Amino acid sequence: MVLVLLGAAVGLAATWTHNRWWALALGAAATLVSELAVPPGLLRVAYAGGWVAASAYFLLARPEGDFVVGSDAIGYTFLGLGLVVLVLAVVTIPHRARLPGGPGAST
């Protein structure tokens, strides 16, 4: 639960400061460093889930009709950062060891 909140806080900060290139670079660095500091597995997935949930909320149109993340190069780079966060979390999930004699074992 703590890692979901941490991911949401970092994602919220990255979302609200992504408008300038240097702030986007700082937000990406903070996001990736904190994600890599979390141990691989479900803990990293929890962090990534919080980050993506907080960021995705602001990708939706607001009632006024405007957006927080625009359809420009910086906005698409920010979307790419979200994809990197998700892929990094999923790719680093440890594989389970196969038991001898289990499915796929040669006899």
N, C-alpha and C. Protein backbone atom coordinates (compact mmCIF):
# COMPACT_ATOMS: atom_id res chain seq x y z
N MET A 1 0.82 -1.19 0.00
CA MET A 1 0.00 0.00 0.00
C MET A 1 0.87 1.26 0.00
N VAL A 2 1.98 1.21 0.73
CA VAL A 2 2.87 2.36 0.81
C VAL A 2 3.49 2.63 -0.56
N LEU A 3 3.86 1.57 -1.27
CA LEU A 3 4.47 1.75 -2.58
C LEU A 3 3.48 2.26 -3.62
N VAL A 4 2.22 1.89 -3.48
CA VAL A 4 1.20 2.44 -4.38
C VAL A 4 1.07 3.93 -4.15
N LEU A 5 1.07 4.35 -2.89
CA LEU A 5 0.98 5.78 -2.58
C LEU A 5 2.24 6.53 -3.01
N LEU A 6 3.41 5.90 -2.84
CA LEU A 6 4.65 6.52 -3.29
C LEU A 6 4.64 6.69 -4.81
N GLY A 7 4.23 5.65 -5.52
CA GLY A 7 4.14 5.75 -6.97
C GLY A 7 3.15 6.81 -7.41
N ALA A 8 2.03 6.90 -6.71
CA ALA A 8 1.03 7.92 -7.04
C ALA A 8 1.57 9.32 -6.78
N ALA A 9 2.32 9.50 -5.70
CA ALA A 9 2.89 10.81 -5.39
C ALA A 9 3.93 11.22 -6.43
N VAL A 10 4.80 10.31 -6.81
CA VAL A 10 5.81 10.62 -7.82
C VAL A 10 5.15 10.84 -9.18
N GLY A 11 4.15 10.04 -9.51
CA GLY A 11 3.43 10.22 -10.76
C GLY A 11 2.68 11.54 -10.81
N LEU A 12 2.09 11.92 -9.71
CA LEU A 12 1.39 13.21 -9.65
C LEU A 12 2.37 14.36 -9.82
N ALA A 13 3.52 14.28 -9.13
CA ALA A 13 4.52 15.33 -9.26
C ALA A 13 5.07 15.40 -10.69
N ALA A 14 5.30 14.25 -11.30
CA ALA A 14 5.80 14.24 -12.68
C ALA A 14 4.76 14.77 -13.65
N THR A 15 3.49 14.48 -13.39
CA THR A 15 2.43 14.96 -14.27
C THR A 15 2.30 16.47 -14.21
N TRP A 16 2.33 17.01 -13.01
CA TRP A 16 2.11 18.44 -12.86
C TRP A 16 3.31 19.28 -13.26
N THR A 17 4.49 18.68 -13.39
CA THR A 17 5.68 19.46 -13.73
C THR A 17 6.24 19.10 -15.10
N HIS A 18 5.53 18.35 -15.90
CA HIS A 18 6.10 17.87 -17.16
C HIS A 18 6.11 18.91 -18.28
N ASN A 19 5.56 20.08 -18.07
CA ASN A 19 5.41 21.07 -19.15
C ASN A 19 6.72 21.62 -19.68
N ARG A 20 7.75 21.65 -18.89
CA ARG A 20 9.06 22.12 -19.33
C ARG A 20 9.98 20.93 -19.55
N TRP A 21 10.90 21.02 -20.49
CA TRP A 21 11.75 19.87 -20.82
C TRP A 21 12.62 19.47 -19.64
N TRP A 22 13.14 20.45 -18.89
CA TRP A 22 14.00 20.12 -17.76
C TRP A 22 13.20 19.50 -16.62
N ALA A 23 11.95 19.92 -16.46
CA ALA A 23 11.10 19.33 -15.43
C ALA A 23 10.68 17.91 -15.82
N LEU A 24 10.47 17.69 -17.12
CA LEU A 24 10.17 16.35 -17.60
C LEU A 24 11.36 15.43 -17.37
N ALA A 25 12.57 15.91 -17.65
CA ALA A 25 13.78 15.11 -17.41
C ALA A 25 13.95 14.82 -15.93
N LEU A 26 13.69 15.79 -15.08
CA LEU A 26 13.79 15.59 -13.64
C LEU A 26 12.73 14.61 -13.14
N GLY A 27 11.51 14.74 -13.65
CA GLY A 27 10.44 13.81 -13.28
C GLY A 27 10.73 12.40 -13.75
N ALA A 28 11.29 12.26 -14.95
CA ALA A 28 11.64 10.93 -15.46
C ALA A 28 12.76 10.32 -14.63
N ALA A 29 13.75 11.12 -14.28
CA ALA A 29 14.84 10.61 -13.45
C ALA A 29 14.34 10.18 -12.08
N ALA A 30 13.50 11.01 -11.46
CA ALA A 30 12.96 10.66 -10.14
C ALA A 30 12.10 9.40 -10.22
N THR A 31 11.32 9.30 -11.30
CA THR A 31 10.46 8.13 -11.48
C THR A 31 11.26 6.86 -11.64
N LEU A 32 12.24 6.88 -12.52
CA LEU A 32 13.00 5.67 -12.81
C LEU A 32 13.95 5.29 -11.68
N VAL A 33 14.56 6.28 -11.02
CA VAL A 33 15.44 5.96 -9.89
C VAL A 33 14.64 5.36 -8.74
N SER A 34 13.49 5.93 -8.45
CA SER A 34 12.69 5.38 -7.35
C SER A 34 12.11 4.03 -7.72
N GLU A 35 11.79 3.81 -8.99
CA GLU A 35 11.28 2.49 -9.40
C GLU A 35 12.37 1.44 -9.32
N LEU A 36 13.58 1.79 -9.71
CA LEU A 36 14.68 0.82 -9.64
C LEU A 36 15.13 0.57 -8.21
N ALA A 37 14.83 1.49 -7.29
CA ALA A 37 15.16 1.30 -5.88
C ALA A 37 14.23 0.29 -5.21
N VAL A 38 13.06 0.10 -5.78
CA VAL A 38 12.09 -0.86 -5.25
C VAL A 38 12.49 -2.26 -5.70
N PRO A 39 12.43 -3.25 -4.83
CA PRO A 39 12.81 -4.61 -5.24
C PRO A 39 11.91 -5.12 -6.37
N PRO A 40 12.49 -5.92 -7.29
CA PRO A 40 11.69 -6.46 -8.40
C PRO A 40 10.58 -7.36 -7.89
N GLY A 41 9.54 -7.47 -8.67
CA GLY A 41 8.41 -8.33 -8.33
C GLY A 41 7.16 -7.51 -8.11
N LEU A 42 6.31 -8.02 -7.25
CA LEU A 42 5.03 -7.37 -7.01
C LEU A 42 5.16 -6.00 -6.36
N LEU A 43 6.23 -5.78 -5.61
CA LEU A 43 6.43 -4.46 -5.01
C LEU A 43 6.67 -3.41 -6.09
N ARG A 44 7.46 -3.75 -7.10
CA ARG A 44 7.71 -2.82 -8.20
C ARG A 44 6.45 -2.63 -9.04
N VAL A 45 5.67 -3.67 -9.19
CA VAL A 45 4.40 -3.56 -9.93
C VAL A 45 3.44 -2.64 -9.17
N ALA A 46 3.44 -2.71 -7.84
CA ALA A 46 2.58 -1.84 -7.03
C ALA A 46 2.99 -0.38 -7.22
N TYR A 47 4.29 -0.11 -7.21
CA TYR A 47 4.78 1.25 -7.44
C TYR A 47 4.35 1.75 -8.82
N ALA A 48 4.59 0.91 -9.84
CA ALA A 48 4.24 1.30 -11.21
C ALA A 48 2.74 1.51 -11.36
N GLY A 49 1.95 0.67 -10.70
CA GLY A 49 0.50 0.82 -10.76
C GLY A 49 0.04 2.14 -10.16
N GLY A 50 0.63 2.53 -9.04
CA GLY A 50 0.30 3.82 -8.44
C GLY A 50 0.71 4.98 -9.32
N TRP A 51 1.89 4.87 -9.94
CA TRP A 51 2.38 5.92 -10.83
C TRP A 51 1.45 6.08 -12.02
N VAL A 52 1.13 4.98 -12.66
CA VAL A 52 0.29 5.03 -13.86
C VAL A 52 -1.13 5.48 -13.52
N ALA A 53 -1.67 5.03 -12.40
CA ALA A 53 -3.03 5.43 -12.02
C ALA A 53 -3.11 6.93 -11.77
N ALA A 54 -2.13 7.48 -11.07
CA ALA A 54 -2.15 8.92 -10.81
C ALA A 54 -1.96 9.71 -12.09
N SER A 55 -1.10 9.24 -12.97
CA SER A 55 -0.86 9.96 -14.23
C SER A 55 -2.03 9.80 -15.19
N ALA A 56 -2.60 8.61 -15.26
CA ALA A 56 -3.70 8.36 -16.20
C ALA A 56 -4.94 9.18 -15.84
N TYR A 57 -5.13 9.44 -14.57
CA TYR A 57 -6.28 10.25 -14.17
C TYR A 57 -6.24 11.62 -14.85
N PHE A 58 -5.04 12.18 -14.98
CA PHE A 58 -4.92 13.51 -15.57
C PHE A 58 -4.78 13.49 -17.09
N LEU A 59 -4.74 12.30 -17.67
CA LEU A 59 -4.74 12.21 -19.13
C LEU A 59 -6.15 12.34 -19.70
N LEU A 60 -7.14 12.12 -18.87
CA LEU A 60 -8.53 12.23 -19.31
C LEU A 60 -8.92 13.70 -19.44
N ALA A 61 -9.89 13.97 -20.29
CA ALA A 61 -10.37 15.34 -20.48
C ALA A 61 -11.07 15.81 -19.21
N ARG A 62 -10.87 17.05 -18.87
CA ARG A 62 -11.53 17.64 -17.71
C ARG A 62 -12.89 18.18 -18.13
N PRO A 63 -13.78 18.45 -17.19
CA PRO A 63 -15.12 18.94 -17.54
C PRO A 63 -15.09 20.24 -18.35
N GLU A 64 -14.04 21.04 -18.17
CA GLU A 64 -13.93 22.29 -18.92
C GLU A 64 -13.55 22.05 -20.37
N GLY A 65 -13.11 20.82 -20.68
CA GLY A 65 -12.75 20.49 -22.05
C GLY A 65 -11.26 20.56 -22.33
N ASP A 66 -10.45 20.93 -21.33
CA ASP A 66 -9.02 21.01 -21.57
C ASP A 66 -8.31 19.80 -20.98
N PHE A 67 -7.02 19.73 -21.21
CA PHE A 67 -6.21 18.60 -20.78
C PHE A 67 -5.04 19.09 -19.94
N VAL A 68 -4.56 18.23 -19.05
CA VAL A 68 -3.35 18.54 -18.30
C VAL A 68 -2.12 18.17 -19.13
N VAL A 69 -2.18 17.02 -19.82
CA VAL A 69 -1.10 16.57 -20.69
C VAL A 69 -1.53 16.84 -22.12
N GLY A 70 -0.79 17.68 -22.79
CA GLY A 70 -1.16 18.09 -24.14
C GLY A 70 -0.73 17.10 -25.20
N SER A 71 -1.20 17.32 -26.41
CA SER A 71 -0.85 16.47 -27.56
C SER A 71 0.32 17.09 -28.31
N ASP A 72 1.43 17.24 -27.62
CA ASP A 72 2.63 17.77 -28.23
C ASP A 72 3.79 16.82 -27.94
N ALA A 73 4.99 17.20 -28.32
CA ALA A 73 6.15 16.32 -28.15
C ALA A 73 6.40 16.01 -26.68
N ILE A 74 6.25 16.99 -25.82
CA ILE A 74 6.47 16.75 -24.39
C ILE A 74 5.40 15.82 -23.84
N GLY A 75 4.15 16.00 -24.27
CA GLY A 75 3.07 15.14 -23.81
C GLY A 75 3.25 13.70 -24.24
N TYR A 76 3.68 13.52 -25.49
CA TYR A 76 3.91 12.15 -25.97
C TYR A 76 5.14 11.53 -25.31
N THR A 77 6.14 12.34 -24.99
CA THR A 77 7.29 11.83 -24.25
C THR A 77 6.87 11.39 -22.85
N PHE A 78 5.97 12.15 -22.25
CA PHE A 78 5.46 11.77 -20.93
C PHE A 78 4.67 10.46 -21.01
N LEU A 79 3.88 10.29 -22.07
CA LEU A 79 3.18 9.02 -22.26
C LEU A 79 4.16 7.87 -22.45
N GLY A 80 5.24 8.12 -23.16
CA GLY A 80 6.28 7.11 -23.33
C GLY A 80 6.93 6.75 -22.01
N LEU A 81 7.09 7.73 -21.13
CA LEU A 81 7.63 7.45 -19.80
C LEU A 81 6.71 6.51 -19.04
N GLY A 82 5.41 6.71 -19.16
CA GLY A 82 4.46 5.80 -18.51
C GLY A 82 4.58 4.39 -19.03
N LEU A 83 4.80 4.26 -20.33
CA LEU A 83 4.99 2.94 -20.93
C LEU A 83 6.28 2.30 -20.42
N VAL A 84 7.33 3.08 -20.30
CA VAL A 84 8.60 2.56 -19.77
C VAL A 84 8.43 2.10 -18.33
N VAL A 85 7.69 2.86 -17.54
CA VAL A 85 7.44 2.47 -16.14
C VAL A 85 6.72 1.13 -16.08
N LEU A 86 5.70 0.95 -16.90
CA LEU A 86 4.96 -0.32 -16.90
C LEU A 86 5.81 -1.48 -17.40
N VAL A 87 6.52 -1.28 -18.49
CA VAL A 87 7.33 -2.36 -19.06
C VAL A 87 8.44 -2.75 -18.10
N LEU A 88 9.09 -1.78 -17.47
CA LEU A 88 10.15 -2.08 -16.51
C LEU A 88 9.63 -2.88 -15.33
N ALA A 89 8.43 -2.58 -14.88
CA ALA A 89 7.85 -3.32 -13.76
C ALA A 89 7.52 -4.75 -14.15
N VAL A 90 6.98 -4.94 -15.34
CA VAL A 90 6.57 -6.28 -15.76
C VAL A 90 7.77 -7.14 -16.15
N VAL A 91 8.74 -6.55 -16.83
CA VAL A 91 9.89 -7.32 -17.30
C VAL A 91 10.75 -7.81 -16.13
N THR A 92 10.78 -7.08 -15.04
CA THR A 92 11.64 -7.46 -13.92
C THR A 92 10.95 -8.37 -12.91
N ILE A 93 9.76 -8.87 -13.23
CA ILE A 93 9.14 -9.86 -12.34
C ILE A 93 9.94 -11.14 -12.43
N PRO A 94 10.40 -11.68 -11.29
CA PRO A 94 11.20 -12.90 -11.34
C PRO A 94 10.38 -14.09 -11.85
N HIS A 95 11.04 -14.96 -12.62
CA HIS A 95 10.39 -16.16 -13.12
C HIS A 95 10.40 -17.23 -12.04
N ARG A 96 9.36 -18.02 -12.03
CA ARG A 96 9.30 -19.14 -11.10
C ARG A 96 10.17 -20.27 -11.64
N ALA A 97 10.82 -20.96 -10.74
CA ALA A 97 11.62 -22.11 -11.14
C ALA A 97 10.69 -23.29 -11.42
N ARG A 98 11.01 -24.04 -12.47
CA ARG A 98 10.19 -25.21 -12.79
C ARG A 98 10.58 -26.37 -11.91
N LEU A 99 9.60 -27.10 -11.49
CA LEU A 99 9.85 -28.28 -10.70
C LEU A 99 10.24 -29.44 -11.60
N PRO A 100 11.16 -30.31 -11.17
CA PRO A 100 11.50 -31.46 -11.99
C PRO A 100 10.28 -32.37 -12.13
N GLY A 101 10.05 -32.86 -13.33
CA GLY A 101 8.93 -33.75 -13.57
C GLY A 101 7.63 -33.02 -13.79
N GLY A 102 7.66 -31.69 -13.85
CA GLY A 102 6.45 -30.90 -14.07
C GLY A 102 6.12 -30.85 -15.54
N PRO A 103 5.18 -30.00 -15.92
CA PRO A 103 4.79 -29.88 -17.32
C PRO A 103 5.99 -29.48 -18.18
N GLY A 104 6.15 -30.12 -19.29
CA GLY A 104 7.23 -29.80 -20.21
C GLY A 104 8.53 -30.53 -19.92
N ALA A 105 8.58 -31.34 -18.88
CA ALA A 105 9.80 -32.08 -18.56
C ALA A 105 9.91 -33.28 -19.48
N SER A 106 11.12 -33.52 -19.93
CA SER A 106 11.33 -34.67 -20.81
C SER A 106 11.55 -35.93 -19.97
N THR A 107 11.03 -37.03 -20.43
CA THR A 107 11.15 -38.28 -19.67
C THR A 107 12.16 -39.21 -20.29
